[in-house]
Amino acid sequence: MKYLAAYLLLVQGGNDAPSAADITSLLESVGVEAEASRISTLLAELEGKSVADLIQAGNAKLASVPTGGAAAASSGAASSGAAAEDAAEEKAEEAKEESDDDMGFGLFD
């Protein structure tokens, strides 16, 4: 991930085709030891591809990942009425229970 981040930083900085030396020098400038094999693998995978196209393809893949938000929203609305009833019952029970004042002592006595 750090190699991809370095590549993307270099592209954002204006270097349209970062080399292995560019990535290595960027990583070493922040104290990270760079592995040449990982950098060469990354460059081989990204060769001939634009960053904008890769990001667009990644967004399309992420859009198909179910996050559970829609199911939780629909079930949340149905269960909110039951939760409100439970809360009202708990408040009524708490009112019936004795408070510290009724026991003859307080928290800071």
Protein backbone atom coordinates (compact mmCIF):
# COMPACT_ATOMS: atom_id res chain seq x y z
CA MET A 1 0.00 0.00 0.00
CA LYS A 2 2.85 2.39 0.76
CA TYR A 3 4.24 1.86 -2.72
CA LEU A 4 0.91 2.67 -4.32
CA ALA A 5 0.53 5.71 -2.07
CA ALA A 6 3.98 6.92 -3.10
CA TYR A 7 3.12 6.37 -6.77
CA LEU A 8 -0.12 8.32 -6.41
CA LEU A 9 1.63 11.16 -4.57
CA LEU A 10 4.17 11.43 -7.36
CA VAL A 11 1.43 11.47 -10.00
CA GLN A 12 -0.48 14.11 -8.04
CA GLY A 13 2.72 16.13 -7.85
CA GLY A 14 2.99 16.26 -11.62
CA ASN A 15 5.10 13.19 -12.46
CA ASP A 16 2.86 11.33 -14.94
CA ALA A 17 5.07 8.25 -15.08
CA PRO A 18 7.01 7.75 -11.83
CA SER A 19 9.99 5.43 -12.08
CA ALA A 20 11.27 2.97 -9.51
CA ALA A 21 13.97 5.47 -8.55
CA ASP A 22 11.33 8.18 -8.00
CA ILE A 23 9.29 5.93 -5.72
CA THR A 24 12.39 4.75 -3.85
CA SER A 25 13.63 8.29 -3.23
CA LEU A 26 10.20 9.43 -2.03
CA LEU A 27 9.89 6.54 0.40
CA GLU A 28 13.44 6.92 1.68
CA SER A 29 12.89 10.65 2.22
CA VAL A 30 10.37 9.77 4.94
CA GLY A 31 12.43 6.95 6.44
CA VAL A 32 10.78 3.98 4.75
CA GLU A 33 12.97 1.21 3.37
CA ALA A 34 11.84 0.41 -0.17
CA GLU A 35 11.81 -3.11 -1.63
CA ALA A 36 12.76 -3.09 -5.30
CA SER A 37 10.74 -6.25 -6.07
CA ARG A 38 7.50 -4.71 -4.80
CA ILE A 39 8.10 -1.50 -6.70
CA SER A 40 8.78 -3.39 -9.92
CA THR A 41 5.61 -5.45 -9.43
CA LEU A 42 3.58 -2.28 -8.89
CA LEU A 43 5.04 -0.59 -11.97
CA ALA A 44 4.39 -3.69 -14.07
CA GLU A 45 0.75 -3.75 -12.94
CA LEU A 46 0.25 -0.04 -13.61
CA GLU A 47 2.09 0.09 -16.93
CA GLY A 48 -0.05 1.65 -19.65
CA LYS A 49 -2.90 2.52 -17.29
CA SER A 50 -4.02 5.97 -16.21
CA VAL A 51 -4.64 6.72 -12.55
CA ALA A 52 -8.03 8.27 -13.36
CA ASP A 53 -9.16 5.06 -15.09
CA LEU A 54 -7.93 2.93 -12.18
CA ILE A 55 -9.79 5.07 -9.66
CA GLN A 56 -12.96 4.94 -11.74
CA ALA A 57 -12.73 1.14 -12.00
CA GLY A 58 -12.13 0.90 -8.25
CA ASN A 59 -15.17 3.06 -7.51
CA ALA A 60 -17.31 0.83 -9.71
CA LYS A 61 -16.13 -2.23 -7.78
CA LEU A 62 -16.79 -0.56 -4.43
CA ALA A 63 -20.29 0.43 -5.51
CA SER A 64 -21.19 -3.26 -5.86
CA VAL A 65 -20.06 -4.13 -2.31
CA PRO A 66 -23.03 -4.49 0.05
CA THR A 67 -22.52 -2.44 3.17
CA GLY A 68 -25.69 -3.34 5.03
CA GLY A 69 -26.80 0.28 5.26
CA ALA A 70 -30.03 -0.17 3.30
CA ALA A 71 -31.10 -3.23 5.27
CA ALA A 72 -30.25 -1.58 8.57
CA ALA A 73 -32.20 1.55 7.64
CA SER A 74 -35.36 -0.36 6.76
CA SER A 75 -35.21 -2.61 9.81
CA GLY A 76 -34.20 0.32 12.01
CA ALA A 77 -37.40 2.17 11.21
CA ALA A 78 -39.48 -0.87 12.11
CA SER A 79 -37.68 -1.46 15.38
CA SER A 80 -37.63 2.18 16.48
CA GLY A 81 -41.26 1.96 17.61
CA ALA A 82 -40.50 -1.06 19.77
CA ALA A 83 -37.44 0.67 21.22
CA ALA A 84 -39.52 3.70 22.18
CA GLU A 85 -42.01 1.47 24.00
CA ASP A 86 -39.20 -0.30 25.87
CA ALA A 87 -37.69 3.03 26.92
CA ALA A 88 -41.04 4.23 28.26
CA GLU A 89 -41.44 1.04 30.29
CA GLU A 90 -37.92 1.39 31.74
CA LYS A 91 -38.61 4.97 32.81
CA ALA A 92 -41.78 3.89 34.55
CA GLU A 93 -39.92 1.13 36.40
CA GLU A 94 -37.12 3.50 37.42
CA ALA A 95 -39.66 5.92 38.86
CA LYS A 96 -41.04 3.13 41.03
CA GLU A 97 -37.59 2.18 42.39
CA GLU A 98 -36.32 3.92 45.51
CA SER A 99 -33.82 6.74 45.10
CA ASP A 100 -30.73 7.35 47.27
CA ASP A 101 -32.60 10.05 49.20
CA ASP A 102 -35.21 7.53 50.31
CA MET A 103 -32.53 5.24 51.78
CA GLY A 104 -31.34 7.81 54.27
CA PHE A 105 -27.96 8.54 52.74
CA GLY A 106 -26.65 10.37 49.73
CA LEU A 107 -23.82 9.74 47.36
CA PHE A 108 -21.59 12.44 48.89
CA ASP A 109 -22.49 12.06 52.62
